[in-house]
């Protein structure tokens, strides 16, 4: 038996009212808040237009990153493995591991080596003026 249009509307409204309210989405807390580079430098953004580049770096067990520096802040998340980063300008050495977030030293020479038998995967986020080099290798 067909219900009159008004009754169907009342049933629809009743069904809506009986459905539990869905809470508004709440912002999640930050994963990490970083205010200085791995070597303790304050972080400041370059002026002007920026290009954001997201990439992944993979290192096999025993792998290394040669001596290099970054003219701009480089944000890194260690996805897998452990890496020892040695800053040649400050003499500091730090070990970072899966789950860590960091900002690489800016304009300071550093190198890195895989620690242990597991490969390393890094998620890398660079912010630099369009076309600018984000990594500078030290001449041999």
Protein backbone atom coordinates (compact mmCIF):
# COMPACT_ATOMS: atom_id res chain seq x y z
CA UNK A 1 0.00 0.00 0.00
CA UNK A 2 1.44 3.39 -1.01
CA UNK A 3 2.03 5.97 1.69
CA UNK A 4 0.93 9.53 1.07
CA UNK A 5 3.86 11.89 0.27
CA UNK A 6 3.55 13.62 3.66
CA UNK A 7 3.88 10.32 5.50
CA UNK A 8 6.99 9.33 3.50
CA UNK A 9 8.55 12.71 4.37
CA UNK A 10 7.76 12.17 8.06
CA UNK A 11 9.33 8.68 7.96
CA UNK A 12 12.46 10.11 6.29
CA UNK A 13 12.79 12.88 8.91
CA UNK A 14 12.23 10.35 11.71
CA UNK A 15 15.00 8.15 10.30
CA UNK A 16 17.38 11.12 10.14
CA UNK A 17 16.61 12.10 13.72
CA UNK A 18 17.16 8.53 14.90
CA UNK A 19 20.64 8.38 13.26
CA UNK A 20 23.42 9.24 15.71
CA UNK A 21 25.03 12.59 15.00
CA UNK A 22 28.44 12.43 13.37
CA UNK A 23 30.98 14.54 15.20
CA UNK A 24 32.76 17.20 13.18
CA UNK A 25 36.28 16.20 12.14
CA UNK A 26 38.90 17.42 14.59
CA UNK A 27 42.42 18.29 13.45
CA UNK A 28 44.95 15.68 14.47
CA UNK A 29 47.85 16.73 16.68
CA UNK A 30 51.10 17.40 14.79
CA UNK A 31 53.31 14.42 14.01
CA UNK A 32 56.39 16.51 14.77
CA UNK A 33 57.22 20.12 15.59
CA UNK A 34 60.77 21.06 14.70
CA UNK A 35 62.23 24.49 15.41
CA UNK A 36 65.90 23.91 14.58
CA UNK A 37 68.08 21.87 12.25
CA UNK A 38 69.85 18.67 13.23
CA UNK A 39 72.87 20.81 14.18
CA UNK A 40 70.83 23.32 16.23
CA UNK A 41 70.38 26.13 13.69
CA UNK A 42 67.12 28.12 13.78
CA UNK A 43 64.91 27.40 10.75
CA UNK A 44 63.78 30.26 8.52
CA UNK A 45 62.03 30.11 5.18
CA UNK A 46 63.68 31.48 2.04
CA UNK A 47 62.07 34.65 0.70
CA UNK A 48 60.22 34.69 -2.61
CA UNK A 49 58.68 32.00 -4.74
CA UNK A 50 59.40 28.38 -3.73
CA UNK A 51 59.20 24.99 -5.34
CA UNK A 52 58.43 22.08 -3.00
CA UNK A 53 60.00 18.81 -4.12
CA UNK A 54 59.23 15.51 -2.40
CA UNK A 55 61.50 12.56 -3.07
CA UNK A 56 62.72 9.31 -1.56
CA UNK A 57 66.33 8.30 -0.95
CA UNK A 58 67.25 4.63 -0.53
CA UNK A 59 70.54 3.34 0.85
CA UNK A 60 71.57 -0.32 0.93
CA UNK A 61 73.20 -1.79 4.03
CA UNK A 62 76.72 -0.37 4.21
CA UNK A 63 75.67 2.59 2.05
CA UNK A 64 76.82 6.16 2.55
CA UNK A 65 75.94 9.69 1.52
CA UNK A 66 79.05 11.61 0.44
CA UNK A 67 80.07 14.93 2.01
CA UNK A 68 77.47 17.50 0.98
CA UNK A 69 75.44 20.49 2.19
CA UNK A 70 72.03 22.00 1.57
CA UNK A 71 71.57 25.73 0.88
CA UNK A 72 67.94 25.51 2.09
CA UNK A 73 66.09 23.67 4.83
CA UNK A 74 65.56 20.00 3.95
CA UNK A 75 62.89 18.13 5.91
CA UNK A 76 63.52 14.39 6.28
CA UNK A 77 61.54 11.50 7.72
CA UNK A 78 63.39 8.22 8.25
CA UNK A 79 60.98 5.60 6.92
CA UNK A 80 63.21 2.56 7.49
CA UNK A 81 66.56 1.75 9.04
CA UNK A 82 69.15 3.77 10.96
CA UNK A 83 71.55 6.42 9.73
CA UNK A 84 74.52 8.11 11.40
CA UNK A 85 74.86 11.75 10.30
CA UNK A 86 78.22 13.42 10.92
CA UNK A 87 78.43 17.23 10.67
CA UNK A 88 81.97 18.10 9.58
CA UNK A 89 81.57 21.81 10.44
CA UNK A 90 80.43 21.32 14.05
CA UNK A 91 81.93 17.92 14.85
CA UNK A 92 78.50 16.65 15.94
CA UNK A 93 77.33 13.16 15.05
CA UNK A 94 73.77 11.97 15.49
CA UNK A 95 72.01 8.72 14.82
CA UNK A 96 68.49 8.83 13.41
CA UNK A 97 66.11 5.89 13.08
CA UNK A 98 62.81 4.86 11.52
CA UNK A 99 60.05 7.22 12.59
CA UNK A 100 62.36 10.20 13.22
CA UNK A 101 61.72 13.57 11.58
CA UNK A 102 64.54 16.09 11.19
CA UNK A 103 65.67 19.17 9.32
CA UNK A 104 69.14 18.79 7.80
CA UNK A 105 71.84 21.33 8.65
CA UNK A 106 71.79 24.35 6.34
CA UNK A 107 75.05 25.29 4.58
CA UNK A 108 77.09 22.95 6.79
CA UNK A 109 79.08 20.05 5.35
CA UNK A 110 77.84 16.67 6.52
CA UNK A 111 77.90 13.01 5.51
CA UNK A 112 75.92 9.94 6.50
CA UNK A 113 76.32 6.18 6.74
CA UNK A 114 73.85 3.34 7.21
CA UNK A 115 74.01 1.79 10.69
CA UNK A 116 73.34 -1.95 10.93
CA UNK A 117 72.29 -4.52 8.37
CA UNK A 118 68.96 -2.99 7.28
CA UNK A 119 68.52 -0.66 4.32
CA UNK A 120 67.56 2.97 4.89
CA UNK A 121 64.64 4.79 3.24
CA UNK A 122 64.26 8.55 3.65
CA UNK A 123 61.30 10.72 2.67
CA UNK A 124 62.84 14.08 1.68
CA UNK A 125 61.00 17.40 1.33
CA UNK A 126 62.92 20.33 -0.16
CA UNK A 127 61.70 23.92 -0.38
CA UNK A 128 63.86 26.11 -2.62
CA UNK A 129 63.57 28.81 -5.28
CA UNK A 130 62.62 27.30 -8.66
CA UNK A 131 65.64 25.71 -10.34
CA UNK A 132 67.95 26.12 -7.32
CA UNK A 133 70.27 23.29 -6.30
CA UNK A 134 69.09 21.65 -3.08
CA UNK A 135 72.26 19.59 -2.52
CA UNK A 136 75.86 20.67 -3.10
CA UNK A 137 78.55 17.97 -3.17
CA UNK A 138 81.97 18.87 -1.78
CA UNK A 139 84.69 18.73 -4.42
CA UNK A 140 87.11 15.85 -3.89
